[in-house]
PDB file of N, CA and C in Angstrom:
ATOM      1  N   MET A   1      23.448  -3.815 -10.814  1.00  0.00           N
ATOM      2  CA  MET A   1      22.862  -4.614  -9.756  1.00  0.00           C
ATOM      3  C   MET A   1      21.505  -5.136 -10.237  1.00  0.00           C
ATOM      4  N   SER A   2      21.313  -6.445 -10.139  1.00  0.00           N
ATOM      5  CA  SER A   2      20.043  -7.010 -10.602  1.00  0.00           C
ATOM      6  C   SER A   2      18.977  -6.877  -9.525  1.00  0.00           C
ATOM      7  N   LYS A   3      17.789  -6.731  -9.989  1.00  0.00           N
ATOM      8  CA  LYS A   3      16.628  -6.626  -9.098  1.00  0.00           C
ATOM      9  C   LYS A   3      16.195  -8.024  -8.672  1.00  0.00           C
ATOM     10  N   SER A   4      15.697  -8.139  -7.466  1.00  0.00           N
ATOM     11  CA  SER A   4      15.187  -9.422  -6.989  1.00  0.00           C
ATOM     12  C   SER A   4      13.705  -9.537  -7.321  1.00  0.00           C
ATOM     13  N   LEU A   5      13.260 -10.780  -7.462  1.00  0.00           N
ATOM     14  CA  LEU A   5      11.902 -11.044  -7.911  1.00  0.00           C
ATOM     15  C   LEU A   5      11.281 -12.126  -7.055  1.00  0.00           C
ATOM     16  N   LEU A   6      10.087 -11.876  -6.559  1.00  0.00           N
ATOM     17  CA  LEU A   6       9.305 -12.867  -5.824  1.00  0.00           C
ATOM     18  C   LEU A   6       8.080 -13.210  -6.650  1.00  0.00           C
ATOM     19  N   ILE A   7       7.893 -14.490  -6.893  1.00  0.00           N
ATOM     20  CA  ILE A   7       6.694 -14.968  -7.578  1.00  0.00           C
ATOM     21  C   ILE A   7       5.787 -15.566  -6.517  1.00  0.00           C
ATOM     22  N   ILE A   8       4.538 -15.137  -6.489  1.00  0.00           N
ATOM     23  CA  ILE A   8       3.548 -15.706  -5.581  1.00  0.00           C
ATOM     24  C   ILE A   8       2.610 -16.552  -6.423  1.00  0.00           C
ATOM     25  N   SER A   9       2.673 -17.859  -6.190  1.00  0.00           N
ATOM     26  CA  SER A   9       1.864 -18.804  -6.954  1.00  0.00           C
ATOM     27  C   SER A   9       0.635 -19.183  -6.132  1.00  0.00           C
ATOM     28  N   ARG A  10      -0.546 -18.795  -6.617  1.00  0.00           N
ATOM     29  CA  ARG A  10      -1.787 -18.975  -5.855  1.00  0.00           C
ATOM     30  C   ARG A  10      -2.748 -19.984  -6.475  1.00  0.00           C
ATOM     31  N   GLN A  11      -2.360 -20.629  -7.563  1.00  0.00           N
ATOM     32  CA  GLN A  11      -3.288 -21.532  -8.252  1.00  0.00           C
ATOM     33  C   GLN A  11      -2.860 -22.981  -8.088  1.00  0.00           C
ATOM     34  N   ALA A  12      -3.879 -23.831  -7.948  1.00  0.00           N
ATOM     35  CA  ALA A  12      -3.624 -25.269  -7.885  1.00  0.00           C
ATOM     36  C   ALA A  12      -3.068 -25.741  -9.215  1.00  0.00           C
ATOM     37  N   PRO A  13      -2.293 -26.809  -9.217  1.00  0.00           N
ATOM     38  CA  PRO A  13      -1.662 -27.250 -10.461  1.00  0.00           C
ATOM     39  C   PRO A  13      -2.652 -27.702 -11.533  1.00  0.00           C
ATOM     40  N   TRP A  14      -3.852 -28.048 -11.143  1.00  0.00           N
ATOM     41  CA  TRP A  14      -4.838 -28.555 -12.099  1.00  0.00           C
ATOM     42  C   TRP A  14      -5.904 -27.533 -12.481  1.00  0.00           C
ATOM     43  N   SER A  15      -5.778 -26.318 -11.987  1.00  0.00           N
ATOM     44  CA  SER A  15      -6.816 -25.310 -12.218  1.00  0.00           C
ATOM     45  C   SER A  15      -6.606 -24.486 -13.482  1.00  0.00           C
ATOM     46  N   GLY A  16      -5.574 -24.783 -14.232  1.00  0.00           N
ATOM     47  CA  GLY A  16      -5.288 -24.029 -15.447  1.00  0.00           C
ATOM     48  C   GLY A  16      -3.797 -23.810 -15.572  1.00  0.00           C
ATOM     49  N   PRO A  17      -3.402 -22.916 -16.449  1.00  0.00           N
ATOM     50  CA  PRO A  17      -1.979 -22.744 -16.727  1.00  0.00           C
ATOM     51  C   PRO A  17      -1.215 -21.898 -15.712  1.00  0.00           C
ATOM     52  N   GLY A  18      -1.871 -21.305 -14.745  1.00  0.00           N
ATOM     53  CA  GLY A  18      -1.212 -20.374 -13.823  1.00  0.00           C
ATOM     54  C   GLY A  18      -0.042 -20.959 -13.069  1.00  0.00           C
ATOM     55  N   ALA A  19      -0.179 -22.164 -12.545  1.00  0.00           N
ATOM     56  CA  ALA A  19       0.907 -22.785 -11.777  1.00  0.00           C
ATOM     57  C   ALA A  19       2.123 -23.014 -12.667  1.00  0.00           C
ATOM     58  N   ARG A  20       1.893 -23.508 -13.861  1.00  0.00           N
ATOM     59  CA  ARG A  20       2.992 -23.747 -14.802  1.00  0.00           C
ATOM     60  C   ARG A  20       3.644 -22.423 -15.221  1.00  0.00           C
ATOM     61  N   GLU A  21       2.845 -21.395 -15.451  1.00  0.00           N
ATOM     62  CA  GLU A  21       3.389 -20.103 -15.844  1.00  0.00           C
ATOM     63  C   GLU A  21       4.262 -19.506 -14.730  1.00  0.00           C
ATOM     64  N   ALA A  22       3.827 -19.667 -13.490  1.00  0.00           N
ATOM     65  CA  ALA A  22       4.623 -19.171 -12.360  1.00  0.00           C
ATOM     66  C   ALA A  22       5.977 -19.866 -12.325  1.00  0.00           C
ATOM     67  N   LEU A  23       5.974 -21.179 -12.499  1.00  0.00           N
ATOM     68  CA  LEU A  23       7.227 -21.922 -12.512  1.00  0.00           C
ATOM     69  C   LEU A  23       8.110 -21.534 -13.681  1.00  0.00           C
ATOM     70  N   ASP A  24       7.505 -21.292 -14.831  1.00  0.00           N
ATOM     71  CA  ASP A  24       8.279 -20.870 -16.002  1.00  0.00           C
ATOM     72  C   ASP A  24       8.990 -19.550 -15.748  1.00  0.00           C
ATOM     73  N   ILE A  25       8.305 -18.615 -15.109  1.00  0.00           N
ATOM     74  CA  ILE A  25       8.908 -17.316 -14.785  1.00  0.00           C
ATOM     75  C   ILE A  25      10.070 -17.503 -13.804  1.00  0.00           C
ATOM     76  N   VAL A  26       9.843 -18.334 -12.792  1.00  0.00           N
ATOM     77  CA  VAL A  26      10.896 -18.585 -11.802  1.00  0.00           C
ATOM     78  C   VAL A  26      12.120 -19.218 -12.467  1.00  0.00           C
ATOM     79  N   LEU A  27      11.900 -20.220 -13.306  1.00  0.00           N
ATOM     80  CA  LEU A  27      13.010 -20.893 -13.982  1.00  0.00           C
ATOM     81  C   LEU A  27      13.737 -19.945 -14.939  1.00  0.00           C
ATOM     82  N   ALA A  28      13.004 -19.094 -15.631  1.00  0.00           N
ATOM     83  CA  ALA A  28      13.638 -18.125 -16.531  1.00  0.00           C
ATOM     84  C   ALA A  28      14.490 -17.143 -15.744  1.00  0.00           C
ATOM     85  N   GLY A  29      13.975 -16.659 -14.637  1.00  0.00           N
ATOM     86  CA  GLY A  29      14.744 -15.750 -13.803  1.00  0.00           C
ATOM     87  C   GLY A  29      16.006 -16.405 -13.279  1.00  0.00           C
ATOM     88  N   GLY A  30      15.891 -17.648 -12.846  1.00  0.00           N
ATOM     89  CA  GLY A  30      17.053 -18.380 -12.369  1.00  0.00           C
ATOM     90  C   GLY A  30      18.082 -18.607 -13.455  1.00  0.00           C
ATOM     91  N   ALA A  31      17.632 -18.856 -14.666  1.00  0.00           N
ATOM     92  CA  ALA A  31      18.544 -19.072 -15.787  1.00  0.00           C
ATOM     93  C   ALA A  31      19.383 -17.831 -16.083  1.00  0.00           C
ATOM     94  N   PHE A  32      18.855 -16.658 -15.738  1.00  0.00           N
ATOM     95  CA  PHE A  32      19.581 -15.401 -15.960  1.00  0.00           C
ATOM     96  C   PHE A  32      20.195 -14.864 -14.668  1.00  0.00           C
ATOM     97  N   ASP A  33      20.348 -15.740 -13.678  1.00  0.00           N
ATOM     98  CA  ASP A  33      20.974 -15.398 -12.398  1.00  0.00           C
ATOM     99  C   ASP A  33      20.275 -14.261 -11.662  1.00  0.00           C
ATOM    100  N   LEU A  34      18.995 -14.113 -11.869  1.00  0.00           N
ATOM    101  CA  LEU A  34      18.203 -13.127 -11.143  1.00  0.00           C
ATOM    102  C   LEU A  34      17.872 -13.709  -9.769  1.00  0.00           C
ATOM    103  N   PRO A  35      18.036 -12.953  -8.705  1.00  0.00           N
ATOM    104  CA  PRO A  35      17.627 -13.451  -7.382  1.00  0.00           C
ATOM    105  C   PRO A  35      16.099 -13.618  -7.351  1.00  0.00           C
ATOM    106  N   VAL A  36      15.660 -14.872  -7.295  1.00  0.00           N
ATOM    107  CA  VAL A  36      14.229 -15.191  -7.398  1.00  0.00           C
ATOM    108  C   VAL A  36      13.788 -16.006  -6.192  1.00  0.00           C
ATOM    109  N   GLY A  37      12.608 -15.677  -5.691  1.00  0.00           N
ATOM    110  CA  GLY A  37      11.964 -16.464  -4.650  1.00  0.00           C
ATOM    111  C   GLY A  37      10.598 -16.896  -5.127  1.00  0.00           C
ATOM    112  N   LEU A  38      10.076 -17.967  -4.526  1.00  0.00           N
ATOM    113  CA  LEU A  38       8.765 -18.497  -4.907  1.00  0.00           C
ATOM    114  C   LEU A  38       7.977 -18.773  -3.642  1.00  0.00           C
ATOM    115  N   LEU A  39       6.795 -18.156  -3.569  1.00  0.00           N
ATOM    116  CA  LEU A  39       5.898 -18.339  -2.424  1.00  0.00           C
ATOM    117  C   LEU A  39       4.637 -19.041  -2.888  1.00  0.00           C
ATOM    118  N   PHE A  40       4.314 -20.171  -2.271  1.00  0.00           N
ATOM    119  CA  PHE A  40       3.080 -20.886  -2.544  1.00  0.00           C
ATOM    120  C   PHE A  40       2.042 -20.401  -1.544  1.00  0.00           C
ATOM    121  N   LEU A  41       0.938 -19.880  -2.063  1.00  0.00           N
ATOM    122  CA  LEU A  41      -0.089 -19.261  -1.236  1.00  0.00           C
ATOM    123  C   LEU A  41      -1.454 -19.741  -1.694  1.00  0.00           C
ATOM    124  N   ASP A  42      -2.416 -19.781  -0.794  1.00  0.00           N
ATOM    125  CA  ASP A  42      -3.777 -20.210  -1.108  1.00  0.00           C
ATOM    126  C   ASP A  42      -3.738 -21.589  -1.767  1.00  0.00           C
ATOM    127  N   ASP A  43      -4.466 -21.776  -2.874  1.00  0.00           N
ATOM    128  CA  ASP A  43      -4.501 -23.094  -3.534  1.00  0.00           C
ATOM    129  C   ASP A  43      -3.167 -23.464  -4.175  1.00  0.00           C
ATOM    130  N   GLY A  44      -2.239 -22.525  -4.251  1.00  0.00           N
ATOM    131  CA  GLY A  44      -0.916 -22.818  -4.784  1.00  0.00           C
ATOM    132  C   GLY A  44      -0.171 -23.864  -3.963  1.00  0.00           C
ATOM    133  N   VAL A  45      -0.525 -24.023  -2.688  1.00  0.00           N
ATOM    134  CA  VAL A  45       0.158 -25.026  -1.865  1.00  0.00           C
ATOM    135  C   VAL A  45      -0.128 -26.447  -2.352  1.00  0.00           C
ATOM    136  N   PHE A  46      -1.189 -26.642  -3.131  1.00  0.00           N
ATOM    137  CA  PHE A  46      -1.461 -27.965  -3.680  1.00  0.00           C
ATOM    138  C   PHE A  46      -0.343 -28.430  -4.622  1.00  0.00           C
ATOM    139  N   GLN A  47       0.439 -27.507  -5.138  1.00  0.00           N
ATOM    140  CA  GLN A  47       1.565 -27.867  -6.005  1.00  0.00           C
ATOM    141  C   GLN A  47       2.623 -28.652  -5.244  1.00  0.00           C
ATOM    142  N   LEU A  48       2.631 -28.547  -3.938  1.00  0.00           N
ATOM    143  CA  LEU A  48       3.637 -29.185  -3.109  1.00  0.00           C
ATOM    144  C   LEU A  48       3.299 -30.619  -2.734  1.00  0.00           C
ATOM    145  N   GLN A  49       2.102 -31.066  -3.039  1.00  0.00           N
ATOM    146  CA  GLN A  49       1.690 -32.428  -2.713  1.00  0.00           C
ATOM    147  C   GLN A  49       2.332 -33.427  -3.666  1.00  0.00           C
ATOM    148  N   ALA A  50       2.772 -34.528  -3.102  1.00  0.00           N
ATOM    149  CA  ALA A  50       3.303 -35.618  -3.931  1.00  0.00           C
ATOM    150  C   ALA A  50       2.144 -36.384  -4.547  1.00  0.00           C
ATOM    151  N   GLY A  51       2.439 -37.135  -5.587  1.00  0.00           N
ATOM    152  CA  GLY A  51       1.436 -38.003  -6.197  1.00  0.00           C
ATOM    153  C   GLY A  51       0.422 -37.273  -7.042  1.00  0.00           C
ATOM    154  N   GLN A  52       0.826 -36.218  -7.693  1.00  0.00           N
ATOM    155  CA  GLN A  52      -0.081 -35.488  -8.584  1.00  0.00           C
ATOM    156  C   GLN A  52      -0.401 -36.378  -9.793  1.00  0.00           C
ATOM    157  N   HIS A  53      -1.650 -36.400 -10.192  1.00  0.00           N
ATOM    158  CA  HIS A  53      -2.081 -37.157 -11.366  1.00  0.00           C
ATOM    159  C   HIS A  53      -2.603 -36.162 -12.390  1.00  0.00           C
ATOM    160  N   ALA A  54      -1.692 -35.412 -12.950  1.00  0.00           N
ATOM    161  CA  ALA A  54      -2.042 -34.328 -13.860  1.00  0.00           C
ATOM    162  C   ALA A  54      -2.767 -34.812 -15.104  1.00  0.00           C
ATOM    163  N   SER A  55      -2.405 -35.982 -15.596  1.00  0.00           N
ATOM    164  CA  SER A  55      -3.023 -36.480 -16.821  1.00  0.00           C
ATOM    165  C   SER A  55      -4.511 -36.760 -16.630  1.00  0.00           C
ATOM    166  N   ALA A  56      -4.933 -37.015 -15.401  1.00  0.00           N
ATOM    167  CA  ALA A  56      -6.345 -37.278 -15.142  1.00  0.00           C
ATOM    168  C   ALA A  56      -7.210 -36.061 -15.434  1.00  0.00           C
ATOM    169  N   VAL A  57      -6.624 -34.871 -15.369  1.00  0.00           N
ATOM    170  CA  VAL A  57      -7.367 -33.642 -15.663  1.00  0.00           C
ATOM    171  C   VAL A  57      -6.785 -32.940 -16.889  1.00  0.00           C
ATOM    172  N   GLN A  58      -6.097 -33.707 -17.698  1.00  0.00           N
ATOM    173  CA  GLN A  58      -5.532 -33.244 -18.964  1.00  0.00           C
ATOM    174  C   GLN A  58      -4.608 -32.038 -18.784  1.00  0.00           C
ATOM    175  N   GLN A  59      -3.769 -32.108 -17.768  1.00  0.00           N
ATOM    176  CA  GLN A  59      -2.765 -31.083 -17.514  1.00  0.00           C
ATOM    177  C   GLN A  59      -1.389 -31.739 -17.559  1.00  0.00           C
ATOM    178  N   LYS A  60      -0.358 -30.947 -17.714  1.00  0.00           N
ATOM    179  CA  LYS A  60       1.006 -31.449 -17.665  1.00  0.00           C
ATOM    180  C   LYS A  60       1.470 -31.480 -16.216  1.00  0.00           C
ATOM    181  N   ASP A  61       2.236 -32.484 -15.870  1.00  0.00           N
ATOM    182  CA  ASP A  61       2.773 -32.646 -14.523  1.00  0.00           C
ATOM    183  C   ASP A  61       3.865 -31.601 -14.301  1.00  0.00           C
ATOM    184  N   ILE A  62       3.790 -30.868 -13.191  1.00  0.00           N
ATOM    185  CA  ILE A  62       4.792 -29.838 -12.896  1.00  0.00           C
ATOM    186  C   ILE A  62       5.822 -30.305 -11.868  1.00  0.00           C
ATOM    187  N   THR A  63       5.715 -31.558 -11.434  1.00  0.00           N
ATOM    188  CA  THR A  63       6.629 -32.077 -10.425  1.00  0.00           C
ATOM    189  C   THR A  63       8.080 -31.958 -10.863  1.00  0.00           C
ATOM    190  N   ALA A  64       8.368 -32.289 -12.114  1.00  0.00           N
ATOM    191  CA  ALA A  64       9.750 -32.200 -12.611  1.00  0.00           C
ATOM    192  C   ALA A  64      10.264 -30.761 -12.556  1.00  0.00           C
ATOM    193  N   ASN A  65       9.400 -29.797 -12.866  1.00  0.00           N
ATOM    194  CA  ASN A  65       9.807 -28.392 -12.799  1.00  0.00           C
ATOM    195  C   ASN A  65      10.167 -27.999 -11.367  1.00  0.00           C
ATOM    196  N   LEU A  66       9.366 -28.452 -10.402  1.00  0.00           N
ATOM    197  CA  LEU A  66       9.648 -28.136  -9.001  1.00  0.00           C
ATOM    198  C   LEU A  66      10.975 -28.739  -8.563  1.00  0.00           C
ATOM    199  N   LYS A  67      11.238 -29.957  -8.997  1.00  0.00           N
ATOM    200  CA  LYS A  67      12.492 -30.617  -8.636  1.00  0.00           C
ATOM    201  C   LYS A  67      13.698 -29.947  -9.304  1.00  0.00           C
ATOM    202  N   ALA A  68      13.492 -29.285 -10.426  1.00  0.00           N
ATOM    203  CA  ALA A  68      14.579 -28.643 -11.156  1.00  0.00           C
ATOM    204  C   ALA A  68      14.971 -27.288 -10.576  1.00  0.00           C
ATOM    205  N   LEU A  69      14.178 -26.725  -9.698  1.00  0.00           N
ATOM    206  CA  LEU A  69      14.447 -25.380  -9.191  1.00  0.00           C
ATOM    207  C   LEU A  69      15.856 -25.220  -8.609  1.00  0.00           C
ATOM    208  N   PRO A  70      16.359 -26.148  -7.797  1.00  0.00           N
ATOM    209  CA  PRO A  70      17.722 -25.966  -7.278  1.00  0.00           C
ATOM    210  C   PRO A  70      18.801 -25.945  -8.361  1.00  0.00           C
ATOM    211  N   MET A  71      18.582 -26.655  -9.450  1.00  0.00           N
ATOM    212  CA  MET A  71      19.564 -26.653 -10.544  1.00  0.00           C
ATOM    213  C   MET A  71      19.662 -25.275 -11.205  1.00  0.00           C
ATOM    214  N   PHE A  72      18.604 -24.474 -11.065  1.00  0.00           N
ATOM    215  CA  PHE A  72      18.594 -23.121 -11.622  1.00  0.00           C
ATOM    216  C   PHE A  72      18.914 -22.075 -10.559  1.00  0.00           C
ATOM    217  N   GLY A  73      19.359 -22.526  -9.404  1.00  0.00           N
ATOM    218  CA  GLY A  73      19.738 -21.611  -8.341  1.00  0.00           C
ATOM    219  C   GLY A  73      18.569 -21.048  -7.558  1.00  0.00           C
ATOM    220  N   ILE A  74      17.400 -21.648  -7.693  1.00  0.00           N
ATOM    221  CA  ILE A  74      16.213 -21.181  -6.959  1.00  0.00           C
ATOM    222  C   ILE A  74      16.143 -21.951  -5.639  1.00  0.00           C
ATOM    223  N   GLU A  75      16.549 -21.282  -4.585  1.00  0.00           N
ATOM    224  CA  GLU A  75      16.569 -21.929  -3.273  1.00  0.00           C
ATOM    225  C   GLU A  75      15.671 -21.218  -2.268  1.00  0.00           C
ATOM    226  N   GLU A  76      15.084 -20.117  -2.671  1.00  0.00           N
ATOM    227  CA  GLU A  76      14.206 -19.351  -1.796  1.00  0.00           C
ATOM    228  C   GLU A  76      12.768 -19.805  -2.055  1.00  0.00           C
ATOM    229  N   LEU A  77      12.363 -20.898  -1.389  1.00  0.00           N
ATOM    230  CA  LEU A  77      11.023 -21.469  -1.565  1.00  0.00           C
ATOM    231  C   LEU A  77      10.266 -21.370  -0.251  1.00  0.00           C
ATOM    232  N   TYR A  78       9.037 -20.849  -0.348  1.00  0.00           N
ATOM    233  CA  TYR A  78       8.242 -20.606   0.849  1.00  0.00           C
ATOM    234  C   TYR A  78       6.809 -21.078   0.607  1.00  0.00           C
ATOM    235  N   ALA A  79       6.132 -21.397   1.696  1.00  0.00           N
ATOM    236  CA  ALA A  79       4.718 -21.730   1.644  1.00  0.00           C
ATOM    237  C   ALA A  79       4.029 -21.074   2.830  1.00  0.00           C
ATOM    238  N   CYS A  80       2.832 -20.629   2.606  1.00  0.00           N
ATOM    239  CA  CYS A  80       2.024 -20.038   3.670  1.00  0.00           C
ATOM    240  C   CYS A  80       1.551 -21.162   4.601  1.00  0.00           C
ATOM    241  N   GLY A  81       1.954 -21.098   5.855  1.00  0.00           N
ATOM    242  CA  GLY A  81       1.582 -22.121   6.824  1.00  0.00           C
ATOM    243  C   GLY A  81       0.070 -22.216   6.993  1.00  0.00           C
ATOM    244  N   HIS A  82      -0.605 -21.084   6.974  1.00  0.00           N
ATOM    245  CA  HIS A  82      -2.060 -21.077   7.117  1.00  0.00           C
ATOM    246  C   HIS A  82      -2.718 -21.776   5.934  1.00  0.00           C
ATOM    247  N   SER A  83      -2.232 -21.519   4.725  1.00  0.00           N
ATOM    248  CA  SER A  83      -2.795 -22.163   3.536  1.00  0.00           C
ATOM    249  C   SER A  83      -2.566 -23.670   3.582  1.00  0.00           C
ATOM    250  N   LEU A  84      -1.383 -24.099   4.023  1.00  0.00           N
ATOM    251  CA  LEU A  84      -1.103 -25.526   4.150  1.00  0.00           C
ATOM    252  C   LEU A  84      -2.065 -26.175   5.136  1.00  0.00           C
ATOM    253  N   GLU A  85      -2.200 -25.545   6.296  1.00  0.00           N
ATOM    254  CA  GLU A  85      -3.050 -26.086   7.347  1.00  0.00           C
ATOM    255  C   GLU A  85      -4.514 -26.107   6.931  1.00  0.00           C
ATOM    256  N   GLN A  86      -4.985 -25.019   6.354  1.00  0.00           N
ATOM    257  CA  GLN A  86      -6.383 -24.899   5.959  1.00  0.00           C
ATOM    258  C   GLN A  86      -6.780 -25.948   4.920  1.00  0.00           C
ATOM    259  N   ARG A  87      -5.834 -26.340   4.055  1.00  0.00           N
ATOM    260  CA  ARG A  87      -6.125 -27.297   2.987  1.00  0.00           C
ATOM    261  C   ARG A  87      -5.640 -28.705   3.303  1.00  0.00           C
ATOM    262  N   GLY A  88      -5.076 -28.884   4.484  1.00  0.00           N
ATOM    263  CA  GLY A  88      -4.617 -30.209   4.892  1.00  0.00           C
ATOM    264  C   GLY A  88      -3.477 -30.738   4.043  1.00  0.00           C
ATOM    265  N   VAL A  89      -2.606 -29.841   3.605  1.00  0.00           N
ATOM    266  CA  VAL A  89      -1.506 -30.220   2.715  1.00  0.00           C
ATOM    267  C   VAL A  89      -0.217 -30.337   3.529  1.00  0.00           C
ATOM    268  N   GLN A  90       0.514 -31.410   3.276  1.00  0.00           N
ATOM    269  CA  GLN A  90       1.849 -31.583   3.819  1.00  0.00           C
ATOM    270  C   GLN A  90       2.837 -31.247   2.710  1.00  0.00           C
ATOM    271  N   ALA A  91       3.705 -30.292   2.926  1.00  0.00           N
ATOM    272  CA  ALA A  91       4.703 -29.942   1.924  1.00  0.00           C
ATOM    273  C   ALA A  91       5.719 -31.070   1.865  1.00  0.00           C
ATOM    274  N   ASP A  92       5.737 -31.805   0.771  1.00  0.00           N
ATOM    275  CA  ASP A  92       6.629 -32.951   0.613  1.00  0.00           C
ATOM    276  C   ASP A  92       8.030 -32.542   0.184  1.00  0.00           C
ATOM    277  N   ASN A  93       8.282 -31.261   0.090  1.00  0.00           N
ATOM    278  CA  ASN A  93       9.590 -30.767  -0.312  1.00  0.00           C
ATOM    279  C   ASN A  93      10.276 -30.162   0.908  1.00  0.00           C
ATOM    280  N   PRO A  94      11.369 -30.790   1.383  1.00  0.00           N
ATOM    281  CA  PRO A  94      12.037 -30.253   2.589  1.00  0.00           C
ATOM    282  C   PRO A  94      12.700 -28.903   2.381  1.00  0.00           C
ATOM    283  N   ASP A  95      12.840 -28.463   1.127  1.00  0.00           N
ATOM    284  CA  ASP A  95      13.454 -27.165   0.850  1.00  0.00           C
ATOM    285  C   ASP A  95      12.479 -26.007   0.992  1.00  0.00           C
ATOM    286  N   VAL A  96      11.195 -26.308   1.192  1.00  0.00           N
ATOM    287  CA  VAL A  96      10.177 -25.259   1.293  1.00  0.00           C
ATOM    288  C   VAL A  96      10.018 -24.861   2.754  1.00  0.00           C
ATOM    289  N   GLN A  97      10.218 -23.576   3.011  1.00  0.00           N
ATOM    290  CA  GLN A  97      10.085 -23.038   4.353  1.00  0.00           C
ATOM    291  C   GLN A  97       8.659 -22.566   4.576  1.00  0.00           C
ATOM    292  N   SER A  98       8.037 -23.045   5.645  1.00  0.00           N
ATOM    293  CA  SER A  98       6.678 -22.627   5.973  1.00  0.00           C
ATOM    294  C   SER A  98       6.709 -21.319   6.746  1.00  0.00           C
ATOM    295  N   LEU A  99       5.893 -20.363   6.313  1.00  0.00           N
ATOM    296  CA  LEU A  99       5.791 -19.068   6.987  1.00  0.00           C
ATOM    297  C   LEU A  99       4.530 -19.092   7.844  1.00  0.00           C
ATOM    298  N   ALA A 100       4.697 -18.853   9.128  1.00  0.00           N
ATOM    299  CA  ALA A 100       3.628 -19.056  10.083  1.00  0.00           C
ATOM    300  C   ALA A 100       2.570 -17.951  10.123  1.00  0.00           C
ATOM    301  N   SER A 101       2.957 -16.748   9.794  1.00  0.00           N
ATOM    302  CA  SER A 101       2.007 -15.649   9.991  1.00  0.00           C
ATOM    303  C   SER A 101       1.983 -14.697   8.795  1.00  0.00           C
ATOM    304  N   GLY A 102       0.948 -13.879   8.778  1.00  0.00           N
ATOM    305  CA  GLY A 102       0.849 -12.848   7.763  1.00  0.00           C
ATOM    306  C   GLY A 102       2.000 -11.860   7.855  1.00  0.00           C
ATOM    307  N   ALA A 103       2.494 -11.621   9.067  1.00  0.00           N
ATOM    308  CA  ALA A 103       3.632 -10.717   9.241  1.00  0.00           C
ATOM    309  C   ALA A 103       4.884 -11.299   8.583  1.00  0.00           C
ATOM    310  N   ASP A 104       5.060 -12.620   8.673  1.00  0.00           N
ATOM    311  CA  ASP A 104       6.206 -13.270   8.025  1.00  0.00           C
ATOM    312  C   ASP A 104       6.110 -13.121   6.503  1.00  0.00           C
ATOM    313  N   ILE A 105       4.911 -13.269   5.969  1.00  0.00           N
ATOM    314  CA  ILE A 105       4.707 -13.126   4.524  1.00  0.00           C
ATOM    315  C   ILE A 105       4.960 -11.691   4.101  1.00  0.00           C
ATOM    316  N   ALA A 106       4.459 -10.745   4.877  1.00  0.00           N
ATOM    317  CA  ALA A 106       4.680  -9.331   4.565  1.00  0.00           C
ATOM    318  C   ALA A 106       6.172  -8.988   4.579  1.00  0.00           C
ATOM    319  N   ALA A 107       6.897  -9.527   5.551  1.00  0.00           N
ATOM    320  CA  ALA A 107       8.348  -9.287   5.620  1.00  0.00           C
ATOM    321  C   ALA A 107       9.052  -9.895   4.420  1.00  0.00           C
ATOM    322  N   LEU A 108       8.603 -11.070   3.995  1.00  0.00           N
ATOM    323  CA  LEU A 108       9.194 -11.712   2.812  1.00  0.00           C
ATOM    324  C   LEU A 108       8.976 -10.839   1.575  1.00  0.00           C
ATOM    325  N   ILE A 109       7.757 -10.386   1.386  1.00  0.00           N
ATOM    326  CA  ILE A 109       7.432  -9.546   0.227  1.00  0.00           C
ATOM    327  C   ILE A 109       8.282  -8.272   0.233  1.00  0.00           C
ATOM    328  N   ASP A 110       8.478  -7.698   1.400  1.00  0.00           N
ATOM    329  CA  ASP A 110       9.275  -6.471   1.508  1.00  0.00           C
ATOM    330  C   ASP A 110      10.741  -6.662   1.124  1.00  0.00           C
ATOM    331  N   ARG A 111      11.240  -7.890   1.194  1.00  0.00           N
ATOM    332  CA  ARG A 111      12.648  -8.179   0.867  1.00  0.00           C
ATOM    333  C   ARG A 111      12.923  -8.135  -0.652  1.00  0.00           C
ATOM    334  N   TYR A 112      11.887  -8.208  -1.464  1.00  0.00           N
ATOM    335  CA  TYR A 112      12.062  -8.297  -2.908  1.00  0.00           C
ATOM    336  C   TYR A 112      11.736  -6.977  -3.584  1.00  0.00           C
ATOM    337  N   ASP A 113      12.450  -6.692  -4.683  1.00  0.00           N
ATOM    338  CA  ASP A 113      12.238  -5.459  -5.432  1.00  0.00           C
ATOM    339  C   ASP A 113      10.965  -5.521  -6.270  1.00  0.00           C
ATOM    340  N   GLN A 114      10.693  -6.683  -6.857  1.00  0.00           N
ATOM    341  CA  GLN A 114       9.517  -6.867  -7.712  1.00  0.00           C
ATOM    342  C   GLN A 114       8.746  -8.086  -7.236  1.00  0.00           C
ATOM    343  N   VAL A 115       7.410  -8.014  -7.285  1.00  0.00           N
ATOM    344  CA  VAL A 115       6.555  -9.127  -6.879  1.00  0.00           C
ATOM    345  C   VAL A 115       5.520  -9.355  -7.968  1.00  0.00           C
ATOM    346  N   ILE A 116       5.387 -10.612  -8.377  1.00  0.00           N
ATOM    347  CA  ILE A 116       4.385 -11.004  -9.367  1.00  0.00           C
ATOM    348  C   ILE A 116       3.499 -12.059  -8.742  1.00  0.00           C
ATOM    349  N   THR A 117       2.207 -11.847  -8.801  1.00  0.00           N
ATOM    350  CA  THR A 117       1.249 -12.827  -8.288  1.00  0.00           C
ATOM    351  C   THR A 117       0.545 -13.490  -9.460  1.00  0.00           C
ATOM    352  N   ILE A 118       0.558 -14.818  -9.442  1.00  0.00           N
ATOM    353  CA  ILE A 118      -0.106 -15.571 -10.501  1.00  0.00           C
ATOM    354  C   ILE A 118      -1.057 -16.557  -9.874  1.00  0.00           C
TER     355      ILE A 118
END
């Protein structure tokens, strides 16, 4: 029986390699049929905004990686509703479920065997 894995991505896409590393872990887990979920929290919700101009800050665009998640069987996508609201971000991905409360996030974390925060 494979263990489930939740990745919590807390970094903005332009703040360094953390956002890309989180996506790489999620994609690798999906490639090996590991049950994987991805939670965007804090500044990580900025990854969900359309119109990223990664080259302006000398970063690679992660939009293609986000769009590829369903092809790797990654369908458990979540965003912290408070983080979205606090930063004025609209999640442009209809597959991302917004979690309204800290209790919802805690329940999500409890569903997974392993949790990695990046």
